[in-house]
Amino acid sequence: MPKLRVVVIEKGQRIDPTYEADELSGLDVDLISVAVDSEGEVIEAIAGADVVLNSSLPMPPSVIETLTNCKLIVRLGHGYEGVDLDASTDAGIIVCNAAGATSEEVSNHALSLMLYLARRLYELNPGTRAGRWGELWSREACSQIWGETIGIFGLGHIGRAFARKVNALRMNVIAHDPYVGHWADLEENVRMVEFDELVESSDFISIHAPLNSETHNQFNADVFRRMKPSAYLVNTGRGGIVSEADLVAALNANEIAGAAIDVFETEPQGNNNPLFEFDNVIVTPHVAGSSPGGWERIRRSAARDAARVLTGRRPYCVVNTSVLAKGTRAGIAV
């Protein structure tokens, strides 16, 4: 019987698969790590794979259809929009992510961005250094945080971690997530609301939803017009959830007070994004989930699910749950 083949792919650089090897120890597998840049290189690298551990590469139907032996694809992170779920499900391939592995990092980053905006550090820090003390000093220089309404868009692992933290700040916490029941307010002291109320009532909105056909550009010109002019937007979810062109227009029209963006519609970014011209916009390069410990947890979580599938057990973080009822190549069912 041929060895099982587990392939780790990363864009532009090879991952040292030490963590993966540790989690797969005891299994007779060939563990291969490959740096890839193009779809052709992806197809070549994962040929014959039983499991693909994918850092960030797109896997459209044209890639999925080449996976004749694959039982499992795991995205190394929370986001999985680059993997075609319909094609994977039709092929009987389970798709997982590393849900929860960096919830603390991402929620901490979102909290940091919110505080940076609320306390106007984007202006006060450089302004004080530039000798503008007299111009900037005021008893009303900064936004209040406690008692203000924070709207959380998406109440999954990260959204709930963020809710716990802003509750500690004594904020009024509301959330919108059509896939979460009203039991959430019992666990997190969060009041679930409709999207319109979230948009119109929030002093801050923090985005923690996945990118899909329902959320694509959900924050657009109409939404920005309905937000409070004193409200701030924080996005550590996915760039495509926010229309950047509409956000630029809203900032130019002073329809909202500012924004903090860790994720963009196109990544990586150069230096010519018009959002970068605004002093009241904070930008970071998609690092909200980053830390040495977080990266290790992501990879160990992915490898543990690989080990479970290769030994006939259901993985923990299944994204395309319908495949379990339809039938999987791994023989794992609901």
C-alpha atoms as a PDB file:
ATOM      1  CA  MET A   1       0.000   0.000   0.000  1.00  0.00           C
ATOM      2  CA  PRO A   2       1.493   3.393  -0.977  1.00  0.00           C
ATOM      3  CA  LYS A   3       2.238   5.934   1.727  1.00  0.00           C
ATOM      4  CA  LEU A   4      -0.297   8.645   2.385  1.00  0.00           C
ATOM      5  CA  ARG A   5       0.805  11.976   0.936  1.00  0.00           C
ATOM      6  CA  VAL A   6       0.399  15.260   2.849  1.00  0.00           C
ATOM      7  CA  VAL A   7       1.443  18.390   0.952  1.00  0.00           C
ATOM      8  CA  VAL A   8       1.960  21.842   2.492  1.00  0.00           C
ATOM      9  CA  ILE A   9       1.861  24.722   0.013  1.00  0.00           C
ATOM     10  CA  GLU A  10       2.817  28.344   0.606  1.00  0.00           C
ATOM     11  CA  LYS A  11       3.064  31.215  -1.854  1.00  0.00           C
ATOM     12  CA  GLY A  12       6.635  32.106  -2.694  1.00  0.00           C
ATOM     13  CA  GLN A  13       8.343  30.346   0.178  1.00  0.00           C
ATOM     14  CA  ARG A  14       8.651  26.888   1.640  1.00  0.00           C
ATOM     15  CA  ILE A  15       7.265  26.227   5.113  1.00  0.00           C
ATOM     16  CA  ASP A  16       9.510  24.167   7.371  1.00  0.00           C
ATOM     17  CA  PRO A  17       7.018  21.407   8.285  1.00  0.00           C
ATOM     18  CA  THR A  18       8.339  20.756  11.803  1.00  0.00           C
ATOM     19  CA  TYR A  19       4.997  21.364  13.529  1.00  0.00           C
ATOM     20  CA  GLU A  20       3.133  19.296  10.950  1.00  0.00           C
ATOM     21  CA  ALA A  21       5.577  16.408  11.340  1.00  0.00           C
ATOM     22  CA  ASP A  22       5.091  16.514  15.109  1.00  0.00           C
ATOM     23  CA  GLU A  23       1.295  16.293  14.838  1.00  0.00           C
ATOM     24  CA  LEU A  24       1.472  13.538  12.192  1.00  0.00           C
ATOM     25  CA  SER A  25       4.060  11.453  14.038  1.00  0.00           C
ATOM     26  CA  GLY A  26       3.058   7.814  14.233  1.00  0.00           C
ATOM     27  CA  LEU A  27       1.377   7.911  10.833  1.00  0.00           C
ATOM     28  CA  ASP A  28       3.092   6.472   7.768  1.00  0.00           C
ATOM     29  CA  VAL A  29       2.956   9.577   5.581  1.00  0.00           C
ATOM     30  CA  ASP A  30       5.115  11.401   3.099  1.00  0.00           C
ATOM     31  CA  LEU A  31       5.077  15.019   4.301  1.00  0.00           C
ATOM     32  CA  ILE A  32       6.114  17.419   1.568  1.00  0.00           C
ATOM     33  CA  SER A  33       6.373  21.219   1.729  1.00  0.00           C
ATOM     34  CA  VAL A  34       6.496  23.199  -1.512  1.00  0.00           C
ATOM     35  CA  ALA A  35       6.788  26.879  -2.434  1.00  0.00           C
ATOM     36  CA  VAL A  36       4.423  27.742  -5.290  1.00  0.00           C
ATOM     37  CA  ASP A  37       3.461  30.881  -7.204  1.00  0.00           C
ATOM     38  CA  SER A  38       1.083  29.933 -10.033  1.00  0.00           C
ATOM     39  CA  GLU A  39      -1.933  27.698 -10.515  1.00  0.00           C
ATOM     40  CA  GLY A  40       0.195  25.348 -12.602  1.00  0.00           C
ATOM     41  CA  GLU A  41       2.727  25.034  -9.788  1.00  0.00           C
ATOM     42  CA  VAL A  42      -0.070  24.374  -7.293  1.00  0.00           C
ATOM     43  CA  ILE A  43      -1.476  21.583  -9.474  1.00  0.00           C
ATOM     44  CA  GLU A  44       1.975  20.044  -9.879  1.00  0.00           C
ATOM     45  CA  ALA A  45       2.771  20.246  -6.159  1.00  0.00           C
ATOM     46  CA  ILE A  46      -0.475  18.669  -4.905  1.00  0.00           C
ATOM     47  CA  ALA A  47      -0.721  15.892  -7.520  1.00  0.00           C
ATOM     48  CA  GLY A  48      -1.595  12.650  -5.756  1.00  0.00           C
ATOM     49  CA  ALA A  49      -2.051  14.326  -2.366  1.00  0.00           C
ATOM     50  CA  ASP A  50      -4.322  12.757   0.230  1.00  0.00           C
ATOM     51  CA  VAL A  51      -4.290  15.989   2.260  1.00  0.00           C
ATOM     52  CA  VAL A  52      -3.450  19.547   1.190  1.00  0.00           C
ATOM     53  CA  LEU A  53      -2.466  22.064   3.854  1.00  0.00           C
ATOM     54  CA  ASN A  54      -2.848  25.363   2.018  1.00  0.00           C
ATOM     55  CA  SER A  55      -1.488  28.598   3.429  1.00  0.00           C
ATOM     56  CA  SER A  56      -3.125  31.099   1.068  1.00  0.00           C
ATOM     57  CA  LEU A  57      -3.287  29.808  -2.519  1.00  0.00           C
ATOM     58  CA  PRO A  58      -6.519  29.965  -4.569  1.00  0.00           C
ATOM     59  CA  MET A  59      -8.053  26.571  -5.290  1.00  0.00           C
ATOM     60  CA  PRO A  60     -10.734  27.093  -7.957  1.00  0.00           C
ATOM     61  CA  PRO A  61     -12.582  24.201  -9.664  1.00  0.00           C
ATOM     62  CA  SER A  62      -9.734  23.872 -12.193  1.00  0.00           C
ATOM     63  CA  VAL A  63      -7.439  22.920  -9.304  1.00  0.00           C
ATOM     64  CA  ILE A  64      -9.956  20.846  -7.350  1.00  0.00           C
ATOM     65  CA  GLU A  65     -10.708  18.630 -10.356  1.00  0.00           C
ATOM     66  CA  THR A  66      -7.062  17.496 -10.484  1.00  0.00           C
ATOM     67  CA  LEU A  67      -7.222  16.123  -6.922  1.00  0.00           C
ATOM     68  CA  THR A  68      -8.063  12.504  -7.649  1.00  0.00           C
ATOM     69  CA  ASN A  69      -7.002  11.125  -4.233  1.00  0.00           C
ATOM     70  CA  CYS A  70      -7.524  14.099  -1.939  1.00  0.00           C
ATOM     71  CA  LYS A  71      -9.669  13.622   1.155  1.00  0.00           C
ATOM     72  CA  LEU A  72      -9.042  16.912   2.940  1.00  0.00           C
ATOM     73  CA  ILE A  73      -8.027  20.512   2.228  1.00  0.00           C
ATOM     74  CA  VAL A  74      -7.171  22.719   5.195  1.00  0.00           C
ATOM     75  CA  ARG A  75      -6.711  26.477   4.909  1.00  0.00           C
ATOM     76  CA  LEU A  76      -4.073  27.711   7.330  1.00  0.00           C
ATOM     77  CA  GLY A  77      -6.154  30.465   8.878  1.00  0.00           C
ATOM     78  CA  HIS A  78      -9.747  31.540   9.467  1.00  0.00           C
ATOM     79  CA  GLY A  79     -10.515  32.606   5.891  1.00  0.00           C
ATOM     80  CA  TYR A  80     -11.297  29.973   3.284  1.00  0.00           C
ATOM     81  CA  GLU A  81     -12.841  31.988   0.450  1.00  0.00           C
ATOM     82  CA  GLY A  82     -10.078  30.995  -1.989  1.00  0.00           C
ATOM     83  CA  VAL A  83     -11.079  27.317  -1.889  1.00  0.00           C
ATOM     84  CA  ASP A  84     -14.093  26.481  -4.061  1.00  0.00           C
ATOM     85  CA  LEU A  85     -16.467  24.791  -1.621  1.00  0.00           C
ATOM     86  CA  ASP A  86     -18.979  23.589  -4.206  1.00  0.00           C
ATOM     87  CA  ALA A  87     -16.325  21.851  -6.289  1.00  0.00           C
ATOM     88  CA  SER A  88     -14.764  20.340  -3.172  1.00  0.00           C
ATOM     89  CA  THR A  89     -18.102  19.075  -1.887  1.00  0.00           C
ATOM     90  CA  ASP A  90     -19.004  17.596  -5.289  1.00  0.00           C
ATOM     91  CA  ALA A  91     -15.666  15.753  -5.237  1.00  0.00           C
ATOM     92  CA  GLY A  92     -16.229  14.439  -1.698  1.00  0.00           C
ATOM     93  CA  ILE A  93     -13.336  16.484  -0.294  1.00  0.00           C
ATOM     94  CA  ILE A  94     -13.673  17.865   3.231  1.00  0.00           C
ATOM     95  CA  VAL A  95     -12.569  21.489   3.600  1.00  0.00           C
ATOM     96  CA  CYS A  96     -11.441  22.798   6.984  1.00  0.00           C
ATOM     97  CA  ASN A  97      -9.961  25.979   8.369  1.00  0.00           C
ATOM     98  CA  ALA A  98      -8.098  26.722  11.599  1.00  0.00           C
ATOM     99  CA  ALA A  99     -11.047  28.393  13.317  1.00  0.00           C
ATOM    100  CA  GLY A 100     -10.227  29.777  16.726  1.00  0.00           C
ATOM    101  CA  ALA A 101      -6.466  29.412  16.416  1.00  0.00           C
ATOM    102  CA  THR A 102      -5.808  33.166  16.355  1.00  0.00           C
ATOM    103  CA  SER A 103      -9.060  34.560  17.722  1.00  0.00           C
ATOM    104  CA  GLU A 104      -7.237  36.310  20.537  1.00  0.00           C
ATOM    105  CA  GLU A 105      -4.679  37.900  18.209  1.00  0.00           C
ATOM    106  CA  VAL A 106      -7.279  39.190  15.735  1.00  0.00           C
ATOM    107  CA  SER A 107      -9.644  40.463  18.411  1.00  0.00           C
ATOM    108  CA  ASN A 108      -6.737  42.176  20.193  1.00  0.00           C
ATOM    109  CA  HIS A 109      -5.724  43.848  16.931  1.00  0.00           C
ATOM    110  CA  ALA A 110      -9.289  45.024  16.296  1.00  0.00           C
ATOM    111  CA  LEU A 111      -9.471  46.357  19.843  1.00  0.00           C
ATOM    112  CA  SER A 112      -6.152  48.187  19.405  1.00  0.00           C
ATOM    113  CA  LEU A 113      -7.359  49.792  16.186  1.00  0.00           C
ATOM    114  CA  MET A 114     -10.637  50.833  17.768  1.00  0.00           C
ATOM    115  CA  LEU A 115      -8.864  52.441  20.720  1.00  0.00           C
ATOM    116  CA  TYR A 116      -6.384  54.160  18.395  1.00  0.00           C
ATOM    117  CA  LEU A 117      -9.267  55.720  16.498  1.00  0.00           C
ATOM    118  CA  ALA A 118     -11.344  56.588  19.553  1.00  0.00           C
ATOM    119  CA  ARG A 119      -8.477  58.357  21.287  1.00  0.00           C
ATOM    120  CA  ARG A 120      -7.431  60.101  18.031  1.00  0.00           C
ATOM    121  CA  LEU A 121      -3.888  58.809  18.370  1.00  0.00           C
ATOM    122  CA  TYR A 122      -3.575  59.035  14.593  1.00  0.00           C
ATOM    123  CA  GLU A 123      -3.595  62.829  15.027  1.00  0.00           C
ATOM    124  CA  LEU A 124      -2.483  63.450  18.595  1.00  0.00           C
ATOM    125  CA  ASN A 125       0.798  61.524  18.427  1.00  0.00           C
ATOM    126  CA  PRO A 126       2.249  63.147  15.267  1.00  0.00           C
ATOM    127  CA  GLY A 127       0.658  66.496  16.121  1.00  0.00           C
ATOM    128  CA  THR A 128       2.226  66.663  19.567  1.00  0.00           C
ATOM    129  CA  ARG A 129       5.618  65.741  18.098  1.00  0.00           C
ATOM    130  CA  ALA A 130       5.171  68.526  15.544  1.00  0.00           C
ATOM    131  CA  GLY A 131       4.580  71.194  18.211  1.00  0.00           C
ATOM    132  CA  ARG A 132       0.793  71.479  17.784  1.00  0.00           C
ATOM    133  CA  TRP A 133       0.038  71.072  21.517  1.00  0.00           C
ATOM    134  CA  GLY A 134      -1.979  74.257  21.824  1.00  0.00           C
ATOM    135  CA  GLU A 135      -3.995  73.481  18.719  1.00  0.00           C
ATOM    136  CA  LEU A 136      -4.771  69.881  19.720  1.00  0.00           C
ATOM    137  CA  TRP A 137      -5.322  70.210  23.470  1.00  0.00           C
ATOM    138  CA  SER A 138      -8.966  70.094  24.508  1.00  0.00           C
ATOM    139  CA  ARG A 139     -11.144  68.682  27.275  1.00  0.00           C
ATOM    140  CA  GLU A 140     -13.157  67.055  24.476  1.00  0.00           C
ATOM    141  CA  ALA A 141     -10.273  65.896  22.311  1.00  0.00           C
ATOM    142  CA  CYS A 142     -11.148  62.184  22.284  1.00  0.00           C
ATOM    143  CA  SER A 143     -14.172  59.954  21.858  1.00  0.00           C
ATOM    144  CA  GLN A 144     -15.662  58.271  24.883  1.00  0.00           C
ATOM    145  CA  ILE A 145     -15.432  54.477  24.874  1.00  0.00           C
ATOM    146  CA  TRP A 146     -17.357  53.230  27.905  1.00  0.00           C
ATOM    147  CA  GLY A 147     -21.083  53.535  27.364  1.00  0.00           C
ATOM    148  CA  GLU A 148     -20.652  53.853  23.591  1.00  0.00           C
ATOM    149  CA  THR A 149     -22.256  51.309  21.272  1.00  0.00           C
ATOM    150  CA  ILE A 150     -19.973  48.855  19.513  1.00  0.00           C
ATOM    151  CA  GLY A 151     -21.542  46.931  16.648  1.00  0.00           C
ATOM    152  CA  ILE A 152     -19.960  43.571  15.824  1.00  0.00           C
ATOM    153  CA  PHE A 153     -20.583  42.274  12.311  1.00  0.00           C
ATOM    154  CA  GLY A 154     -20.065  38.514  12.528  1.00  0.00           C
ATOM    155  CA  LEU A 155     -20.179  36.671  15.856  1.00  0.00           C
ATOM    156  CA  GLY A 156     -18.001  33.644  15.207  1.00  0.00           C
ATOM    157  CA  HIS A 157     -14.853  32.712  17.138  1.00  0.00           C
ATOM    158  CA  ILE A 158     -13.215  36.102  16.638  1.00  0.00           C
ATOM    159  CA  GLY A 159     -16.375  38.166  17.052  1.00  0.00           C
ATOM    160  CA  ARG A 160     -17.113  36.480  20.383  1.00  0.00           C
ATOM    161  CA  ALA A 161     -13.538  37.028  21.608  1.00  0.00           C
ATOM    162  CA  PHE A 162     -13.864  40.696  20.650  1.00  0.00           C
ATOM    163  CA  ALA A 163     -17.238  40.922  22.422  1.00  0.00           C
ATOM    164  CA  ARG A 164     -15.733  39.692  25.683  1.00  0.00           C
ATOM    165  CA  LYS A 165     -13.052  42.387  25.514  1.00  0.00           C
ATOM    166  CA  VAL A 166     -15.308  45.323  24.713  1.00  0.00           C
ATOM    167  CA  ASN A 167     -17.725  44.171  27.408  1.00  0.00           C
ATOM    168  CA  ALA A 168     -14.839  44.612  29.851  1.00  0.00           C
ATOM    169  CA  LEU A 169     -14.667  48.248  28.684  1.00  0.00           C
ATOM    170  CA  ARG A 170     -18.335  48.674  29.694  1.00  0.00           C
ATOM    171  CA  MET A 171     -19.457  49.317  26.145  1.00  0.00           C
ATOM    172  CA  ASN A 172     -22.963  48.664  24.878  1.00  0.00           C
ATOM    173  CA  VAL A 173     -22.393  45.596  22.685  1.00  0.00           C
ATOM    174  CA  ILE A 174     -24.675  44.723  19.777  1.00  0.00           C
ATOM    175  CA  ALA A 175     -24.057  42.262  16.978  1.00  0.00           C
ATOM    176  CA  HIS A 176     -25.461  41.080  13.693  1.00  0.00           C
ATOM    177  CA  ASP A 177     -24.934  37.554  12.424  1.00  0.00           C
ATOM    178  CA  PRO A 178     -27.735  35.772  10.557  1.00  0.00           C
ATOM    179  CA  TYR A 179     -26.207  32.385  11.385  1.00  0.00           C
ATOM    180  CA  VAL A 180     -26.064  32.870  15.158  1.00  0.00           C
ATOM    181  CA  GLY A 181     -29.134  32.440  17.336  1.00  0.00           C
ATOM    182  CA  HIS A 182     -30.319  34.812  20.031  1.00  0.00           C
ATOM    183  CA  TRP A 183     -28.768  32.537  22.659  1.00  0.00           C
ATOM    184  CA  ALA A 184     -25.546  34.486  21.995  1.00  0.00           C
ATOM    185  CA  ASP A 185     -26.648  37.350  24.230  1.00  0.00           C
ATOM    186  CA  LEU A 186     -26.826  34.945  27.172  1.00  0.00           C
ATOM    187  CA  GLU A 187     -23.220  33.821  26.719  1.00  0.00           C
ATOM    188  CA  GLU A 188     -21.539  37.047  25.662  1.00  0.00           C
ATOM    189  CA  ASN A 189     -23.786  39.828  27.010  1.00  0.00           C
ATOM    190  CA  VAL A 190     -24.442  40.814  23.425  1.00  0.00           C
ATOM    191  CA  ARG A 191     -27.767  41.986  22.029  1.00  0.00           C
ATOM    192  CA  MET A 192     -28.401  40.530  18.588  1.00  0.00           C
ATOM    193  CA  VAL A 193     -29.867  43.061  16.154  1.00  0.00           C
ATOM    194  CA  GLU A 194     -30.795  43.374  12.508  1.00  0.00           C
ATOM    195  CA  PHE A 195     -28.194  44.799  10.146  1.00  0.00           C
ATOM    196  CA  ASP A 196     -29.975  48.144   9.803  1.00  0.00           C
ATOM    197  CA  GLU A 197     -29.904  48.726  13.559  1.00  0.00           C
ATOM    198  CA  LEU A 198     -26.234  47.771  13.722  1.00  0.00           C
ATOM    199  CA  VAL A 199     -25.407  50.312  11.019  1.00  0.00           C
ATOM    200  CA  GLU A 200     -27.509  53.153  12.373  1.00  0.00           C
ATOM    201  CA  SER A 201     -26.935  52.750  16.134  1.00  0.00           C
ATOM    202  CA  SER A 202     -23.220  51.952  16.411  1.00  0.00           C
ATOM    203  CA  ASP A 203     -20.525  54.404  17.442  1.00  0.00           C
ATOM    204  CA  PHE A 204     -17.967  51.848  16.276  1.00  0.00           C
ATOM    205  CA  ILE A 205     -18.431  48.890  13.913  1.00  0.00           C
ATOM    206  CA  SER A 206     -15.962  46.016  13.923  1.00  0.00           C
ATOM    207  CA  ILE A 207     -16.120  43.491  11.079  1.00  0.00           C
ATOM    208  CA  HIS A 208     -15.473  39.820  11.885  1.00  0.00           C
ATOM    209  CA  ALA A 209     -17.445  38.032   9.162  1.00  0.00           C
ATOM    210  CA  PRO A 210     -16.231  35.743   6.360  1.00  0.00           C
ATOM    211  CA  LEU A 211     -16.217  36.938   2.768  1.00  0.00           C
ATOM    212  CA  ASN A 212     -18.854  35.250   0.626  1.00  0.00           C
ATOM    213  CA  SER A 213     -21.565  36.155  -1.854  1.00  0.00           C
ATOM    214  CA  GLU A 214     -23.740  37.530   0.955  1.00  0.00           C
ATOM    215  CA  THR A 215     -21.121  39.763   2.574  1.00  0.00           C
ATOM    216  CA  HIS A 216     -19.261  40.974  -0.526  1.00  0.00           C
ATOM    217  CA  ASN A 217     -19.293  44.809  -0.473  1.00  0.00           C
ATOM    218  CA  GLN A 218     -21.980  44.729   2.202  1.00  0.00           C
ATOM    219  CA  PHE A 219     -20.444  47.907   3.590  1.00  0.00           C
ATOM    220  CA  ASN A 220     -21.097  50.261   0.713  1.00  0.00           C
ATOM    221  CA  ALA A 221     -22.219  53.806  -0.047  1.00  0.00           C
ATOM    222  CA  ASP A 222     -25.728  53.266   1.284  1.00  0.00           C
ATOM    223  CA  VAL A 223     -24.413  51.843   4.563  1.00  0.00           C
ATOM    224  CA  PHE A 224     -21.914  54.658   5.062  1.00  0.00           C
ATOM    225  CA  ARG A 225     -24.650  57.243   4.517  1.00  0.00           C
ATOM    226  CA  ARG A 226     -26.701  55.614   7.273  1.00  0.00           C
ATOM    227  CA  MET A 227     -23.862  55.385   9.803  1.00  0.00           C
ATOM    228  CA  LYS A 228     -23.434  58.109  12.393  1.00  0.00           C
ATOM    229  CA  PRO A 229     -21.072  60.853  11.167  1.00  0.00           C
ATOM    230  CA  SER A 230     -19.174  60.330  14.439  1.00  0.00           C
ATOM    231  CA  ALA A 231     -18.839  56.564  13.901  1.00  0.00           C
ATOM    232  CA  TYR A 232     -15.688  54.621  13.101  1.00  0.00           C
ATOM    233  CA  LEU A 233     -15.291  51.443  11.028  1.00  0.00           C
ATOM    234  CA  VAL A 234     -12.756  48.710  11.862  1.00  0.00           C
ATOM    235  CA  ASN A 235     -12.175  45.851   9.429  1.00  0.00           C
ATOM    236  CA  THR A 236     -10.025  42.875  10.400  1.00  0.00           C
ATOM    237  CA  GLY A 237     -12.314  40.434   8.559  1.00  0.00           C
ATOM    238  CA  ARG A 238     -11.872  40.403   4.787  1.00  0.00           C
ATOM    239  CA  GLY A 239     -11.231  43.274   2.425  1.00  0.00           C
ATOM    240  CA  GLY A 240     -14.030  42.471   0.006  1.00  0.00           C
ATOM    241  CA  ILE A 241     -16.661  43.024   2.684  1.00  0.00           C
ATOM    242  CA  VAL A 242     -16.016  46.778   2.382  1.00  0.00           C
ATOM    243  CA  SER A 243     -16.235  48.681  -0.901  1.00  0.00           C
ATOM    244  CA  GLU A 244     -13.021  50.691  -0.746  1.00  0.00           C
ATOM    245  CA  ALA A 245     -14.203  53.165  -3.389  1.00  0.00           C
ATOM    246  CA  ASP A 246     -17.372  53.851  -1.393  1.00  0.00           C
ATOM    247  CA  LEU A 247     -15.374  54.156   1.826  1.00  0.00           C
ATOM    248  CA  VAL A 248     -13.100  56.745   0.210  1.00  0.00           C
ATOM    249  CA  ALA A 249     -16.150  58.704  -0.953  1.00  0.00           C
ATOM    250  CA  ALA A 250     -17.724  58.516   2.513  1.00  0.00           C
ATOM    251  CA  LEU A 251     -14.537  59.784   4.159  1.00  0.00           C
ATOM    252  CA  ASN A 252     -14.289  62.639   1.663  1.00  0.00           C
ATOM    253  CA  ALA A 253     -17.906  63.568   2.448  1.00  0.00           C
ATOM    254  CA  ASN A 254     -17.342  63.289   6.238  1.00  0.00           C
ATOM    255  CA  GLU A 255     -20.111  60.704   6.409  1.00  0.00           C
ATOM    256  CA  ILE A 256     -18.104  58.732   8.986  1.00  0.00           C
ATOM    257  CA  ALA A 257     -15.356  59.842  11.377  1.00  0.00           C
ATOM    258  CA  GLY A 258     -12.643  57.431  10.288  1.00  0.00           C
ATOM    259  CA  ALA A 259     -11.636  53.836   9.680  1.00  0.00           C
ATOM    260  CA  ALA A 260      -9.018  51.222  10.524  1.00  0.00           C
ATOM    261  CA  ILE A 261      -8.284  48.639   7.863  1.00  0.00           C
ATOM    262  CA  ASP A 262      -6.144  45.492   8.135  1.00  0.00           C
ATOM    263  CA  VAL A 263      -7.552  43.752   5.037  1.00  0.00           C
ATOM    264  CA  PHE A 264      -7.983  45.040   1.501  1.00  0.00           C
ATOM    265  CA  GLU A 265      -9.895  44.159  -1.642  1.00  0.00           C
ATOM    266  CA  THR A 266      -6.558  43.516  -3.389  1.00  0.00           C
ATOM    267  CA  GLU A 267      -3.546  42.181  -1.504  1.00  0.00           C
ATOM    268  CA  PRO A 268      -0.707  42.912  -1.215  1.00  0.00           C
ATOM    269  CA  GLN A 269      -1.111  46.692  -1.469  1.00  0.00           C
ATOM    270  CA  GLY A 270       1.286  49.179  -3.021  1.00  0.00           C
ATOM    271  CA  ASN A 271       1.511  52.767  -1.824  1.00  0.00           C
ATOM    272  CA  ASN A 272      -1.134  54.328  -4.063  1.00  0.00           C
ATOM    273  CA  ASN A 273      -4.366  53.350  -2.330  1.00  0.00           C
ATOM    274  CA  PRO A 274      -6.418  56.565  -1.844  1.00  0.00           C
ATOM    275  CA  LEU A 275      -7.282  55.396   1.674  1.00  0.00           C
ATOM    276  CA  PHE A 276      -3.664  56.043   2.594  1.00  0.00           C
ATOM    277  CA  GLU A 277      -4.169  59.770   2.057  1.00  0.00           C
ATOM    278  CA  PHE A 278      -6.498  60.187   5.054  1.00  0.00           C
ATOM    279  CA  ASP A 279      -5.039  61.038   8.461  1.00  0.00           C
ATOM    280  CA  ASN A 280      -8.095  59.471  10.128  1.00  0.00           C
ATOM    281  CA  VAL A 281      -7.542  56.082   8.475  1.00  0.00           C
ATOM    282  CA  ILE A 282      -5.236  53.540  10.131  1.00  0.00           C
ATOM    283  CA  VAL A 283      -3.903  50.758   7.898  1.00  0.00           C
ATOM    284  CA  THR A 284      -1.974  47.571   8.650  1.00  0.00           C
ATOM    285  CA  PRO A 285      -0.842  44.844   6.198  1.00  0.00           C
ATOM    286  CA  HIS A 286      -3.209  41.935   7.035  1.00  0.00           C
ATOM    287  CA  VAL A 287      -1.363  41.068  10.228  1.00  0.00           C
ATOM    288  CA  ALA A 288      -4.247  41.000  12.730  1.00  0.00           C
ATOM    289  CA  GLY A 289      -3.797  37.278  13.351  1.00  0.00           C
ATOM    290  CA  SER A 290      -0.028  37.390  13.407  1.00  0.00           C
ATOM    291  CA  SER A 291       2.184  36.215  16.238  1.00  0.00           C
ATOM    292  CA  PRO A 292       4.715  33.396  16.533  1.00  0.00           C
ATOM    293  CA  GLY A 293       2.385  31.485  18.826  1.00  0.00           C
ATOM    294  CA  GLY A 294      -0.615  32.076  16.590  1.00  0.00           C
ATOM    295  CA  TRP A 295       1.148  30.763  13.487  1.00  0.00           C
ATOM    296  CA  GLU A 296       2.169  27.630  15.385  1.00  0.00           C
ATOM    297  CA  ARG A 297      -1.398  27.084  16.629  1.00  0.00           C
ATOM    298  CA  ILE A 298      -2.790  27.475  13.101  1.00  0.00           C
ATOM    299  CA  ARG A 299      -0.413  24.898  11.679  1.00  0.00           C
ATOM    300  CA  ARG A 300      -0.814  22.428  14.532  1.00  0.00           C
ATOM    301  CA  SER A 301      -4.612  22.735  14.295  1.00  0.00           C
ATOM    302  CA  ALA A 302      -4.473  22.015  10.556  1.00  0.00           C
ATOM    303  CA  ALA A 303      -2.146  19.042  10.998  1.00  0.00           C
ATOM    304  CA  ARG A 304      -4.292  17.615  13.804  1.00  0.00           C
ATOM    305  CA  ASP A 305      -7.323  17.670  11.526  1.00  0.00           C
ATOM    306  CA  ALA A 306      -5.219  15.990   8.854  1.00  0.00           C
ATOM    307  CA  ALA A 307      -4.271  13.253  11.319  1.00  0.00           C
ATOM    308  CA  ARG A 308      -7.901  12.782  12.294  1.00  0.00           C
ATOM    309  CA  VAL A 309      -9.073  12.382   8.704  1.00  0.00           C
ATOM    310  CA  LEU A 310      -6.228  10.009   7.818  1.00  0.00           C
ATOM    311  CA  THR A 311      -7.260   7.790  10.734  1.00  0.00           C
ATOM    312  CA  GLY A 312     -10.957   7.820   9.829  1.00  0.00           C
ATOM    313  CA  ARG A 313     -12.130  10.415  12.348  1.00  0.00           C
ATOM    314  CA  ARG A 314     -14.141  13.559  11.750  1.00  0.00           C
ATOM    315  CA  PRO A 315     -11.986  16.726  11.755  1.00  0.00           C
ATOM    316  CA  TYR A 316     -12.804  19.548  14.145  1.00  0.00           C
ATOM    317  CA  CYS A 317     -13.107  22.568  11.845  1.00  0.00           C
ATOM    318  CA  VAL A 318     -15.237  21.476   8.869  1.00  0.00           C
ATOM    319  CA  VAL A 319     -16.329  24.350   6.634  1.00  0.00           C
ATOM    320  CA  ASN A 320     -18.364  22.513   3.980  1.00  0.00           C
ATOM    321  CA  THR A 321     -20.419  20.479   6.442  1.00  0.00           C
ATOM    322  CA  SER A 322     -22.828  19.320   3.712  1.00  0.00           C
ATOM    323  CA  VAL A 323     -20.108  17.016   2.377  1.00  0.00           C
ATOM    324  CA  LEU A 324     -20.497  14.849   5.488  1.00  0.00           C
ATOM    325  CA  ALA A 325     -24.061  13.985   4.495  1.00  0.00           C
ATOM    326  CA  LYS A 326     -23.340  13.787   0.777  1.00  0.00           C
ATOM    327  CA  GLY A 327     -20.421  11.413   1.169  1.00  0.00           C
ATOM    328  CA  THR A 328     -16.695  11.893   1.602  1.00  0.00           C
ATOM    329  CA  ARG A 329     -13.698  10.193   0.050  1.00  0.00           C
ATOM    330  CA  ALA A 330     -12.442   9.640   3.571  1.00  0.00           C
ATOM    331  CA  GLY A 331     -15.555   7.615   4.433  1.00  0.00           C
ATOM    332  CA  ILE A 332     -16.431  10.058   7.223  1.00  0.00           C
ATOM    333  CA  ALA A 333     -20.123  10.861   7.643  1.00  0.00           C
ATOM    334  CA  VAL A 334     -22.353  12.963   9.864  1.00  0.00           C
END
